[in-house]
Amino acid sequence: MKLSILLKSVTEIRRVIIAGKGMEHKHTVKTGQHDNLCACLQDYEIGSIHYRAQEVEHNGLFVAIKGFKADGHEFIDEALTRGASAIVTRKSINKKPVNKKSVIIEVENTRKALAAISANFYGNVSEKMFIIGITGTNGKTTTAYIIESILAEAGFKVGVIGTINYRYSGKVFSNPMTTPEALDLQKILVEMHENGITHVVMEVSSHAIDLHRIDCCWIDIGVFTNLTREHLDYHGDMDSYWFCKKRLFTEHLKTGPKKGSSLAVINCDDKKGKDLYNLLSEASDSMPVISTGSTADKMIWPDNIKYSLTGIIGKISTKLGTFQFSSPLAGEHNLENILSATGVGIALGLSLAIIKAGIEKAGQIPGRLEFIPNKAGKFVFVDYAHTPDALEHVLSSLTSIKDNNIGRIICVFGCGGDRDKGKRPRMGEIAGRFCDLTIITSDNPRTEDPMEIISRIIEGIKQTSSKKYDPKKPANGFREKGYVIEPDRKKAIKLSITSADQGDIILIAGKGHETYQLIRGETFPFDDRDEARAALQ
């Protein structure tokens, strides 16, 4: 593809250096000269796009982006050596880049440039598909699964990009991050489009918004689930985190080729969701907004809901009518996810019968309050809850639906290393408040000392559960409310199950669907579900 075409929608180009055969020409780009510059580059053919220097191919274009562990600007020489015809950089390159024909494009933001270039290279494929973007601290994955089920029931060919994987047409692929880098995202969309996918359900992380991964990926419906404490190690404070999440609706849905036709589905039971609903509804360039929540003043609301350890039954009311439903998903938080998915169905003009069928056919979500079947009569669940709000919602739901006369709640959890340290005591306090027995263990300690992480959790749990047990000396089978420290997650899971009686509820929280554990910079195979099954045997 012509380099001039790739750069058409790249804004904030500062300077272009064209070098070759001992000569070098530098062009400083002034306002209004963008099109003239692109015309000067129309003789350059680009065969591939890269942001990893080690993958650069001959006649490729390399975009140097700064990552969390490495800076692509340090690998520009490698990209040129491997045959890159063009380099996009944020940092000035004053030395002669190579003794061959090459182009260096200096821009203000290489991540924004990567998104625009990638979209152009792959034919702006998102314009040809219906994209549903889901953001929020919790509930994105479950909501995506339910929407996928509803769309499939309607006969659409659906693709999903999310935390667990990306998938379409019966094919499943690993996904290293919730929302892929801009180049990878555009590649996936093209893959899906070439396989006949018409509708895509995509989880949108705050990192993806802030790092411009979803720039030039044009979204039709934005869904907001909730906002609670998370990723403060990255965003710094809740105001910055909220501002970032909000941009999906205030910026992305209001720009690009789908401007004017996009709409939002907002969970108004969440405080920030209510604020967002009001903001979007009252804006001068307002868009259609569908509100969901627990009361009849919303556009979609529930009635006569009954919860059990095996799911939810009840009625959902909409402005178009009502329907009874039954879902195998347990807990009040999952009702919010079901309502959000219903909102998407309504926005698409689907019948209530199709929405109902889609909800009821959405089975267990991997690692989302996933029940581990067993013959011991123990209710063992594995859940991804790794934030204070998520842990509180799950434990609150389990507490409200358990038999008040029998059964204890036992929870195994830890906190991730190299992440927000402020949430550790809060999660300890929450676990101690709801659980009869809490087993504090390791999550993904990464480069931190597991016992240092655990010590912060203990600060919180002491406020609500003062009795500390020795894991090797279970006094009376841990009958009194208390907590245990067992840094070895495998042993902690086994201890939770061997300590439980018939009718007890065991929640193994924090890692959910993950199949690894990160310890001291190394990755080890580990799956909470497999460990639970082994302990049950």
Protein backbone atom coordinates (compact mmCIF):
# COMPACT_ATOMS: atom_id res chain seq x y z
CA MET A 1 0.00 0.00 0.00
CA LYS A 2 1.19 3.53 -0.74
CA LEU A 3 2.79 5.25 2.25
CA SER A 4 0.88 8.39 1.31
CA ILE A 5 -2.43 6.54 1.76
CA LEU A 6 -1.40 5.10 5.12
CA LEU A 7 -0.56 8.57 6.43
CA LYS A 8 -3.76 10.23 5.21
CA SER A 9 -5.47 10.18 8.61
CA VAL A 10 -2.32 10.54 10.73
CA THR A 11 -2.48 13.93 12.38
CA GLU A 12 0.30 15.80 14.17
CA ILE A 13 3.14 14.89 11.82
CA ARG A 14 6.06 17.10 12.86
CA ARG A 15 8.77 16.29 10.37
CA VAL A 16 9.68 13.82 7.64
CA ILE A 17 13.24 12.80 6.76
CA ILE A 18 13.82 11.20 3.37
CA ALA A 19 17.31 9.70 3.10
CA GLY A 20 19.15 7.82 0.41
CA LYS A 21 22.37 7.52 -1.51
CA GLY A 22 24.29 9.96 0.60
CA MET A 23 21.59 12.63 0.51
CA GLU A 24 19.05 13.56 3.14
CA HIS A 25 16.00 15.82 2.83
CA LYS A 26 14.18 17.11 5.89
CA HIS A 27 10.65 18.44 5.64
CA THR A 28 9.13 20.30 8.57
CA VAL A 29 5.38 19.94 8.32
CA LYS A 30 3.40 23.13 8.81
CA THR A 31 -0.33 23.55 9.27
CA GLY A 32 -2.13 22.90 6.02
CA GLN A 33 0.80 21.08 4.40
CA HIS A 34 -0.24 17.55 5.39
CA ASP A 35 -1.74 16.65 2.00
CA ASN A 36 1.24 18.05 0.10
CA LEU A 37 3.59 15.98 2.23
CA CYS A 38 1.61 12.78 1.67
CA ALA A 39 1.76 13.43 -2.07
CA CYS A 40 5.58 13.52 -1.84
CA LEU A 41 5.53 10.01 -0.38
CA GLN A 42 3.23 8.31 -2.87
CA ASP A 43 6.12 6.46 -4.55
CA TYR A 44 6.84 4.50 -1.36
CA GLU A 45 5.18 1.07 -1.14
CA ILE A 46 4.61 -0.49 2.28
CA GLY A 47 4.07 -4.24 2.52
CA SER A 48 3.48 -4.69 6.26
CA ILE A 49 3.02 -2.81 9.55
CA HIS A 50 4.90 -3.60 12.77
CA TYR A 51 5.39 -2.32 16.31
CA ARG A 52 7.83 -5.11 17.31
CA ALA A 53 11.22 -4.56 15.66
CA GLN A 54 12.05 -8.27 15.67
CA GLU A 55 9.07 -8.94 13.40
CA VAL A 56 9.83 -6.28 10.78
CA GLU A 57 9.81 -7.51 7.18
CA HIS A 58 11.41 -6.06 4.05
CA ASN A 59 9.53 -2.92 2.93
CA GLY A 60 7.67 -2.87 6.23
CA LEU A 61 6.71 0.18 8.27
CA PHE A 62 7.83 0.19 11.91
CA VAL A 63 6.00 2.28 14.48
CA ALA A 64 8.07 2.87 17.62
CA ILE A 65 5.80 2.84 20.67
CA LYS A 66 6.80 2.95 24.31
CA GLY A 67 5.54 -0.10 26.20
CA PHE A 68 5.53 -0.98 29.90
CA LYS A 69 8.77 -2.97 29.71
CA ALA A 70 10.55 -1.68 26.60
CA ASP A 71 10.62 1.37 24.35
CA GLY A 72 10.36 0.72 20.63
CA HIS A 73 12.47 3.80 19.94
CA GLU A 74 15.49 1.85 21.21
CA PHE A 75 15.01 -0.72 18.42
CA ILE A 76 14.73 1.59 15.39
CA ASP A 77 18.18 0.55 14.13
CA GLU A 78 17.14 -3.10 14.30
CA ALA A 79 13.96 -2.37 12.34
CA LEU A 80 15.98 -0.58 9.63
CA THR A 81 18.51 -3.39 9.51
CA ARG A 82 15.69 -5.87 8.98
CA GLY A 83 14.51 -3.91 5.94
CA ALA A 84 12.00 -1.35 7.15
CA SER A 85 11.23 1.23 4.47
CA ALA A 86 9.62 3.67 6.88
CA ILE A 87 9.84 4.46 10.57
CA VAL A 88 7.26 6.35 12.60
CA THR A 89 8.82 7.85 15.72
CA ARG A 90 8.00 10.32 18.45
CA LYS A 91 11.64 11.07 19.22
CA SER A 92 13.77 13.09 16.84
CA ILE A 93 16.42 11.21 14.90
CA ASN A 94 19.20 13.62 14.04
CA LYS A 95 21.76 11.14 12.78
CA LYS A 96 21.63 9.74 9.27
CA PRO A 97 19.39 6.68 9.70
CA VAL A 98 20.75 4.32 7.04
CA ASN A 99 22.73 4.49 3.84
CA LYS A 100 19.73 3.51 1.73
CA LYS A 101 16.42 4.91 0.70
CA SER A 102 14.29 5.27 3.80
CA VAL A 103 11.68 7.54 5.35
CA ILE A 104 11.54 8.71 8.96
CA ILE A 105 8.22 10.24 10.04
CA GLU A 106 8.24 12.14 13.33
CA VAL A 107 4.85 12.50 15.03
CA GLU A 108 3.49 13.79 18.33
CA ASN A 109 2.01 10.45 19.40
CA THR A 110 3.10 7.16 17.86
CA ARG A 111 0.25 5.19 19.44
CA LYS A 112 -2.33 7.41 17.75
CA ALA A 113 -0.36 7.07 14.53
CA LEU A 114 -0.26 3.26 14.85
CA ALA A 115 -4.05 3.15 15.18
CA ALA A 116 -4.65 5.35 12.13
CA ILE A 117 -2.06 3.58 9.98
CA SER A 118 -3.34 0.12 10.96
CA ALA A 119 -6.94 1.02 10.18
CA ASN A 120 -5.93 2.39 6.76
CA PHE A 121 -3.74 -0.62 6.00
CA TYR A 122 -6.60 -3.03 6.73
CA GLY A 123 -9.21 -1.06 4.82
CA ASN A 124 -10.99 0.55 7.80
CA VAL A 125 -12.82 -2.73 8.31
CA SER A 126 -14.69 -1.60 11.43
CA GLU A 127 -16.82 0.64 9.21
CA LYS A 128 -18.14 -2.51 7.52
CA MET A 129 -19.04 -4.31 10.78
CA PHE A 130 -21.36 -3.69 13.72
CA ILE A 131 -19.15 -3.18 16.78
CA ILE A 132 -20.37 -3.34 20.39
CA GLY A 133 -17.85 -2.04 22.94
CA ILE A 134 -18.25 -2.87 26.64
CA THR A 135 -16.36 -0.95 29.32
CA GLY A 136 -16.49 -0.86 33.11
CA THR A 137 -14.47 -2.23 36.01
CA ASN A 138 -16.41 -5.47 36.40
CA GLY A 139 -18.88 -7.47 34.34
CA LYS A 140 -17.39 -6.92 30.87
CA THR A 141 -16.67 -10.58 30.16
CA THR A 142 -20.00 -11.96 31.38
CA THR A 143 -21.95 -9.24 29.58
CA ALA A 144 -20.02 -10.03 26.38
CA TYR A 145 -20.92 -13.73 26.63
CA ILE A 146 -24.62 -12.95 27.11
CA ILE A 147 -24.67 -10.48 24.21
CA GLU A 148 -22.89 -13.06 22.05
CA SER A 149 -25.61 -15.59 22.89
CA ILE A 150 -28.41 -13.12 22.09
CA LEU A 151 -26.86 -12.15 18.74
CA ALA A 152 -26.29 -15.79 17.80
CA GLU A 153 -29.93 -16.52 18.64
CA ALA A 154 -30.90 -13.70 16.27
CA GLY A 155 -28.97 -15.40 13.48
CA PHE A 156 -26.03 -12.99 13.30
CA LYS A 157 -22.49 -14.23 12.74
CA VAL A 158 -20.73 -13.06 15.90
CA GLY A 159 -17.12 -12.54 16.92
CA VAL A 160 -15.92 -11.72 20.44
CA ILE A 161 -12.71 -10.01 21.59
CA GLY A 162 -12.19 -10.14 25.35
CA THR A 163 -10.25 -11.01 28.46
CA ILE A 164 -10.52 -14.79 28.11
CA ASN A 165 -9.89 -15.10 24.35
CA TYR A 166 -11.02 -13.91 20.96
CA ARG A 167 -13.32 -16.22 19.02
CA TYR A 168 -15.53 -16.55 15.98
CA SER A 169 -17.05 -19.29 13.81
CA GLY A 170 -16.18 -22.00 16.34
CA LYS A 171 -12.51 -20.97 16.43
CA VAL A 172 -10.88 -19.85 19.68
CA PHE A 173 -7.58 -17.96 20.01
CA SER A 174 -5.60 -16.83 23.03
CA ASN A 175 -5.65 -13.12 23.77
CA PRO A 176 -2.75 -11.74 25.85
CA MET A 177 -4.68 -8.64 26.91
CA THR A 178 -8.33 -7.62 27.23
CA THR A 179 -8.19 -5.23 24.27
CA PRO A 180 -5.37 -5.89 21.79
CA GLU A 181 -2.91 -3.29 20.51
CA ALA A 182 -4.32 -1.23 17.64
CA LEU A 183 -2.49 -3.18 14.93
CA ASP A 184 -3.51 -6.57 16.37
CA LEU A 185 -7.10 -5.37 16.81
CA GLN A 186 -7.38 -4.38 13.15
CA LYS A 187 -5.86 -7.73 12.09
CA ILE A 188 -8.42 -9.62 14.17
CA LEU A 189 -11.30 -7.59 12.74
CA VAL A 190 -10.14 -8.34 9.19
CA GLU A 191 -9.85 -12.04 10.07
CA MET A 192 -13.41 -12.00 11.35
CA HIS A 193 -14.74 -10.03 8.39
CA GLU A 194 -13.13 -12.40 5.90
CA ASN A 195 -14.86 -15.26 7.70
CA GLY A 196 -18.27 -13.67 7.35
CA ILE A 197 -18.55 -12.13 10.83
CA THR A 198 -20.98 -9.20 10.83
CA HIS A 199 -21.20 -8.33 14.54
CA VAL A 200 -18.32 -8.01 17.01
CA VAL A 201 -18.61 -7.83 20.80
CA MET A 202 -15.49 -6.27 22.29
CA GLU A 203 -14.36 -5.67 25.85
CA VAL A 204 -12.77 -2.23 26.09
CA SER A 205 -10.28 -1.72 28.91
CA SER A 206 -9.27 1.65 30.31
CA HIS A 207 -5.72 0.95 29.13
CA ALA A 208 -7.04 0.49 25.58
CA ILE A 209 -8.78 3.86 25.69
CA ASP A 210 -5.83 5.71 27.21
CA LEU A 211 -3.24 4.05 24.94
CA HIS A 212 -5.28 4.68 21.77
CA ARG A 213 -5.74 0.99 20.96
CA ILE A 214 -9.36 1.55 19.91
CA ASP A 215 -8.71 4.73 17.94
CA CYS A 216 -10.12 4.33 14.40
CA CYS A 217 -12.10 1.27 15.50
CA TRP A 218 -15.57 2.69 15.03
CA ILE A 219 -18.11 1.50 17.60
CA ASP A 220 -21.89 1.37 17.12
CA ILE A 221 -23.03 0.65 20.70
CA GLY A 222 -21.14 1.46 23.89
CA VAL A 223 -22.06 -0.40 27.10
CA PHE A 224 -21.12 0.85 30.58
CA THR A 225 -21.27 -1.71 33.42
CA ASN A 226 -19.87 0.03 36.51
CA LEU A 227 -16.88 1.87 37.94
CA THR A 228 -15.04 0.88 41.11
CA ARG A 229 -11.44 0.96 42.31
CA GLU A 230 -9.01 -0.70 39.88
CA HIS A 231 -5.83 0.06 37.92
CA LEU A 232 -4.80 2.93 40.18
CA ASP A 233 -1.21 1.75 39.75
CA TYR A 234 -1.67 2.99 36.16
CA HIS A 235 -4.19 5.85 36.35
CA GLY A 236 -3.05 7.26 39.70
CA ASP A 237 -6.47 8.19 41.10
CA MET A 238 -10.16 7.46 40.60
CA ASP A 239 -10.86 10.77 38.84
CA SER A 240 -8.33 9.94 36.12
CA TYR A 241 -9.67 6.38 35.84
CA TRP A 242 -13.23 7.67 35.49
CA PHE A 243 -12.25 10.32 32.94
CA CYS A 244 -10.61 7.62 30.85
CA LYS A 245 -13.58 5.24 30.92
CA LYS A 246 -15.95 8.08 30.10
CA ARG A 247 -14.05 8.89 26.91
CA LEU A 248 -15.51 5.82 25.18
CA PHE A 249 -18.85 7.63 25.23
CA THR A 250 -17.90 11.31 25.16
CA GLU A 251 -15.25 10.97 22.43
CA HIS A 252 -15.20 7.65 20.56
CA LEU A 253 -18.96 7.25 20.02
CA LYS A 254 -19.23 10.89 18.96
CA THR A 255 -16.58 10.92 16.24
CA GLY A 256 -15.85 9.09 13.02
CA PRO A 257 -18.11 7.65 10.32
CA LYS A 258 -20.67 6.28 12.81
CA LYS A 259 -21.20 9.61 14.52
CA GLY A 260 -24.93 10.27 14.73
CA SER A 261 -25.95 6.62 14.58
CA SER A 262 -24.18 5.29 17.68
CA LEU A 263 -25.89 4.85 21.05
CA ALA A 264 -25.15 3.85 24.64
CA VAL A 265 -26.47 1.33 27.17
CA ILE A 266 -25.78 2.47 30.74
CA ASN A 267 -26.16 0.64 34.07
CA CYS A 268 -27.74 3.40 36.14
CA ASP A 269 -27.65 1.43 39.38
CA ASP A 270 -23.98 2.37 39.42
CA LYS A 271 -23.34 5.91 40.67
CA LYS A 272 -20.96 6.78 37.87
CA GLY A 273 -23.34 5.12 35.42
CA LYS A 274 -26.10 7.48 36.54
CA ASP A 275 -23.73 10.44 36.17
CA LEU A 276 -22.79 9.25 32.67
CA TYR A 277 -26.44 8.81 31.68
CA ASN A 278 -27.20 12.39 32.74
CA LEU A 279 -24.11 13.73 31.00
CA LEU A 280 -24.94 12.04 27.70
CA SER A 281 -28.65 12.85 27.85
CA GLU A 282 -28.12 16.53 28.58
CA ALA A 283 -25.28 17.15 26.10
CA SER A 284 -25.94 19.45 23.16
CA ASP A 285 -24.85 16.66 20.83
CA SER A 286 -26.81 14.04 22.77
CA MET A 287 -27.07 10.47 21.54
CA PRO A 288 -29.76 7.86 22.25
CA VAL A 289 -29.13 6.30 25.68
CA ILE A 290 -30.79 3.18 27.12
CA SER A 291 -30.84 3.09 30.92
CA THR A 292 -30.89 -0.15 32.92
CA GLY A 293 -31.37 -0.57 36.65
CA SER A 294 -33.37 -2.04 39.48
CA THR A 295 -36.27 0.42 39.44
CA ALA A 296 -39.14 1.07 37.03
CA ASP A 297 -37.95 4.58 36.13
CA LYS A 298 -35.29 2.95 33.94
CA MET A 299 -35.92 1.77 30.37
CA ILE A 300 -35.08 -1.82 31.36
CA TRP A 301 -35.68 -3.14 34.87
CA PRO A 302 -36.27 -6.46 36.70
CA ASP A 303 -39.17 -7.69 38.79
CA ASN A 304 -39.93 -10.64 41.07
CA ILE A 305 -36.32 -11.85 40.99
CA LYS A 306 -35.32 -14.97 42.87
CA TYR A 307 -31.70 -15.99 43.40
CA SER A 308 -30.24 -19.38 44.16
CA LEU A 309 -26.85 -21.05 44.01
CA THR A 310 -27.88 -22.48 40.65
CA GLY A 311 -29.01 -19.26 38.98
CA ILE A 312 -31.60 -16.49 38.65
CA ILE A 313 -35.27 -16.52 37.68
CA GLY A 314 -37.66 -13.60 37.31
CA LYS A 315 -39.12 -11.05 34.94
CA ILE A 316 -37.52 -8.30 32.87
CA SER A 317 -39.58 -5.29 31.87
CA THR A 318 -38.83 -3.00 28.94
CA LYS A 319 -40.66 -0.20 27.20
CA LEU A 320 -41.60 -2.79 24.58
CA GLY A 321 -43.04 -5.34 27.00
CA THR A 322 -41.99 -7.94 29.55
CA PHE A 323 -40.67 -11.51 29.58
CA GLN A 324 -39.96 -14.21 32.13
CA PHE A 325 -36.46 -15.63 32.15
CA SER A 326 -34.27 -18.22 33.82
CA SER A 327 -30.46 -18.00 33.84
CA PRO A 328 -27.80 -20.38 35.19
CA LEU A 329 -25.72 -17.35 36.21
CA ALA A 330 -25.81 -16.79 39.98
CA GLY A 331 -25.73 -13.55 41.95
CA GLU A 332 -27.14 -10.03 41.93
CA HIS A 333 -24.17 -8.70 39.95
CA ASN A 334 -25.05 -11.08 37.11
CA LEU A 335 -28.57 -9.64 36.96
CA GLU A 336 -26.96 -6.27 36.14
CA ASN A 337 -25.01 -7.96 33.34
CA ILE A 338 -28.18 -9.58 32.00
CA LEU A 339 -29.97 -6.21 31.97
CA SER A 340 -27.06 -4.61 30.06
CA ALA A 341 -27.17 -7.38 27.46
CA THR A 342 -30.94 -6.93 27.19
CA GLY A 343 -30.32 -3.24 26.48
CA VAL A 344 -28.12 -4.15 23.52
CA GLY A 345 -30.81 -6.47 22.20
CA ILE A 346 -33.40 -3.69 22.46
CA ALA A 347 -31.01 -1.24 20.76
CA LEU A 348 -30.67 -3.68 17.86
CA GLY A 349 -34.45 -3.97 17.55
CA LEU A 350 -34.52 -7.68 18.43
CA SER A 351 -37.70 -9.31 19.64
CA LEU A 352 -38.15 -10.04 23.34
CA ALA A 353 -38.44 -13.74 22.49
CA ILE A 354 -34.96 -13.72 20.93
CA ILE A 355 -33.49 -11.77 23.84
CA LYS A 356 -35.05 -14.20 26.34
CA ALA A 357 -33.73 -17.23 24.46
CA GLY A 358 -30.25 -15.72 24.23
CA ILE A 359 -30.16 -15.03 27.98
CA GLU A 360 -31.29 -18.54 28.82
CA LYS A 361 -28.80 -20.20 26.48
CA ALA A 362 -25.83 -18.30 27.91
CA GLY A 363 -24.30 -20.94 30.17
CA GLN A 364 -21.53 -20.76 32.72
CA ILE A 365 -18.84 -18.22 31.93
CA PRO A 366 -15.26 -19.51 32.40
CA GLY A 367 -13.93 -18.31 35.74
CA ARG A 368 -16.95 -16.12 36.47
CA LEU A 369 -18.61 -17.66 39.53
CA GLU A 370 -17.98 -20.94 37.75
CA PHE A 371 -19.40 -23.91 39.65
CA ILE A 372 -17.15 -26.94 40.06
CA PRO A 373 -19.42 -30.04 40.05
CA ASN A 374 -18.73 -32.63 42.72
CA LYS A 375 -20.36 -35.48 44.64
CA ALA A 376 -19.38 -34.15 48.06
CA GLY A 377 -22.30 -31.74 48.32
CA LYS A 378 -19.96 -28.75 48.52
CA PHE A 379 -20.71 -25.59 46.54
CA VAL A 380 -17.32 -24.75 45.02
CA PHE A 381 -17.06 -21.62 42.85
CA VAL A 382 -14.10 -20.10 40.99
CA ASP A 383 -14.35 -16.40 40.25
CA TYR A 384 -12.16 -13.69 38.72
CA ALA A 385 -13.03 -11.18 41.48
CA HIS A 386 -9.75 -9.33 42.07
CA THR A 387 -11.01 -5.89 43.09
CA PRO A 388 -12.67 -4.82 46.35
CA ASP A 389 -16.00 -4.17 44.64
CA ALA A 390 -16.01 -7.44 42.71
CA LEU A 391 -15.14 -9.46 45.81
CA GLU A 392 -17.82 -7.70 47.84
CA HIS A 393 -20.47 -8.24 45.15
CA VAL A 394 -19.72 -11.94 44.82
CA LEU A 395 -19.56 -12.59 48.57
CA SER A 396 -22.68 -10.51 49.18
CA SER A 397 -24.56 -12.50 46.54
CA LEU A 398 -23.44 -15.84 47.99
CA THR A 399 -24.32 -14.71 51.50
CA SER A 400 -27.82 -13.61 50.48
CA ILE A 401 -28.69 -16.86 48.71
CA LYS A 402 -27.17 -19.46 51.01
CA ASP A 403 -29.34 -21.40 53.41
CA ASN A 404 -29.27 -19.41 56.63
CA ASN A 405 -29.60 -22.52 58.74
CA ILE A 406 -26.67 -24.52 57.35
CA GLY A 407 -23.44 -23.97 55.52
CA ARG A 408 -20.48 -21.70 55.96
CA ILE A 409 -18.80 -19.42 53.46
CA ILE A 410 -15.11 -20.14 52.96
CA CYS A 411 -13.04 -17.88 50.73
CA VAL A 412 -9.57 -18.32 49.27
CA PHE A 413 -8.01 -15.19 47.81
CA GLY A 414 -4.88 -13.07 47.47
CA CYS A 415 -3.89 -9.86 45.69
CA GLY A 416 -1.72 -9.39 42.62
CA GLY A 417 1.80 -8.04 42.94
CA ASP A 418 3.09 -4.89 41.19
CA ARG A 419 -0.44 -3.52 41.18
CA ASP A 420 -2.55 -1.11 43.27
CA LYS A 421 -1.42 -1.72 46.86
CA GLY A 422 -4.22 0.32 48.39
CA LYS A 423 -6.87 -2.30 47.63
CA ARG A 424 -5.18 -5.05 49.66
CA PRO A 425 -6.40 -4.10 53.17
CA ARG A 426 -9.83 -3.27 51.74
CA MET A 427 -10.17 -6.73 50.26
CA GLY A 428 -9.04 -8.25 53.57
CA GLU A 429 -11.72 -6.29 55.43
CA ILE A 430 -14.39 -7.40 52.95
CA ALA A 431 -13.43 -11.08 53.12
CA GLY A 432 -13.39 -11.02 56.91
CA ARG A 433 -16.79 -9.34 57.03
CA PHE A 434 -18.59 -11.88 54.83
CA CYS A 435 -16.73 -15.14 55.38
CA ASP A 436 -16.77 -17.68 58.16
CA LEU A 437 -13.29 -18.75 57.16
CA THR A 438 -10.86 -16.79 54.98
CA ILE A 439 -7.71 -18.42 53.62
CA ILE A 440 -5.27 -15.72 52.55
CA THR A 441 -2.88 -16.87 49.86
CA SER A 442 -0.90 -15.75 46.82
CA ASP A 443 -2.50 -14.55 43.60
CA ASN A 444 0.05 -13.48 40.97
CA PRO A 445 2.77 -11.98 43.19
CA ARG A 446 4.86 -11.14 40.11
CA THR A 447 8.08 -9.51 41.36
CA GLU A 448 6.84 -8.77 44.89
CA ASP A 449 7.41 -10.82 48.03
CA PRO A 450 4.15 -12.81 48.57
CA MET A 451 4.34 -12.34 52.34
CA GLU A 452 4.59 -8.56 51.94
CA ILE A 453 1.36 -8.61 49.92
CA ILE A 454 -0.30 -10.86 52.49
CA SER A 455 0.78 -8.57 55.35
CA ARG A 456 -1.22 -5.72 53.79
CA ILE A 457 -4.30 -7.96 53.44
CA ILE A 458 -4.00 -8.90 57.12
CA GLU A 459 -4.16 -5.20 58.07
CA GLY A 460 -7.71 -5.17 56.73
CA ILE A 461 -8.96 -8.58 57.81
CA LYS A 462 -8.07 -7.92 61.44
CA GLN A 463 -10.83 -5.31 61.47
CA THR A 464 -13.57 -7.86 60.76
CA SER A 465 -12.16 -11.30 61.63
CA SER A 466 -9.79 -11.28 64.57
CA LYS A 467 -9.12 -15.00 65.10
CA LYS A 468 -6.01 -16.31 63.35
CA TYR A 469 -5.71 -20.06 62.81
CA ASP A 470 -2.64 -22.19 62.25
CA PRO A 471 -3.22 -24.02 58.93
CA LYS A 472 -1.54 -27.11 60.35
CA LYS A 473 -3.67 -27.13 63.50
CA PRO A 474 -7.33 -26.63 62.53
CA ALA A 475 -8.85 -26.12 65.96
CA ASN A 476 -12.31 -27.77 65.92
CA GLY A 477 -12.27 -27.71 62.12
CA PHE A 478 -12.06 -23.89 61.97
CA ARG A 479 -15.55 -23.65 63.46
CA GLU A 480 -15.17 -20.14 64.81
CA LYS A 481 -15.01 -17.18 62.45
CA GLY A 482 -11.38 -16.54 61.54
CA TYR A 483 -8.63 -16.57 58.95
CA VAL A 484 -5.65 -18.68 57.88
CA ILE A 485 -2.45 -17.70 56.08
CA GLU A 486 -1.25 -20.19 53.45
CA PRO A 487 1.01 -18.57 50.81
CA ASP A 488 1.03 -21.69 48.61
CA ARG A 489 -2.11 -21.32 46.49
CA LYS A 490 -2.32 -25.05 45.72
CA LYS A 491 -2.26 -25.89 49.43
CA ALA A 492 -4.70 -23.07 50.19
CA ILE A 493 -7.28 -24.42 47.72
CA LYS A 494 -6.90 -27.94 49.09
CA LEU A 495 -7.25 -26.63 52.65
CA SER A 496 -10.47 -24.79 51.77
CA ILE A 497 -12.08 -27.93 50.34
CA THR A 498 -10.89 -30.40 52.98
CA SER A 499 -12.06 -27.99 55.70
CA ALA A 500 -15.54 -27.67 54.18
CA ASP A 501 -18.56 -29.75 55.11
CA GLN A 502 -21.48 -30.74 52.94
CA GLY A 503 -23.53 -27.62 52.20
CA ASP A 504 -20.63 -25.21 52.67
CA ILE A 505 -19.83 -22.64 49.99
CA ILE A 506 -16.21 -22.28 48.88
CA LEU A 507 -15.22 -19.25 46.79
CA ILE A 508 -11.79 -19.38 45.15
CA ALA A 509 -11.33 -15.79 44.04
CA GLY A 510 -8.91 -13.67 42.05
CA LYS A 511 -7.69 -15.67 39.07
CA GLY A 512 -10.83 -17.11 37.48
CA HIS A 513 -10.12 -18.40 33.99
CA GLU A 514 -6.34 -17.91 34.21
CA THR A 515 -4.18 -20.96 33.56
CA TYR A 516 -0.92 -19.64 35.00
CA GLN A 517 0.67 -18.03 38.03
CA LEU A 518 3.28 -15.27 37.84
CA ILE A 519 5.99 -15.63 40.49
CA ARG A 520 9.32 -13.77 40.55
CA GLY A 521 9.15 -12.96 36.87
CA GLU A 522 8.40 -16.53 35.81
CA THR A 523 5.16 -18.05 34.51
CA PHE A 524 4.03 -21.37 35.96
CA PRO A 525 1.05 -23.50 34.82
CA PHE A 526 -1.77 -23.12 37.36
CA ASP A 527 -5.55 -23.33 37.11
CA ASP A 528 -7.77 -22.80 40.17
CA ARG A 529 -10.44 -25.04 38.62
CA ASP A 530 -8.06 -27.95 38.11
CA GLU A 531 -6.71 -27.58 41.64
CA ALA A 532 -10.26 -27.56 43.04
CA ARG A 533 -11.19 -30.69 41.09
CA ALA A 534 -8.07 -32.47 42.30
CA ALA A 535 -8.80 -31.54 45.91
CA LEU A 536 -12.40 -32.73 45.59
CA GLN A 537 -11.19 -36.16 44.48
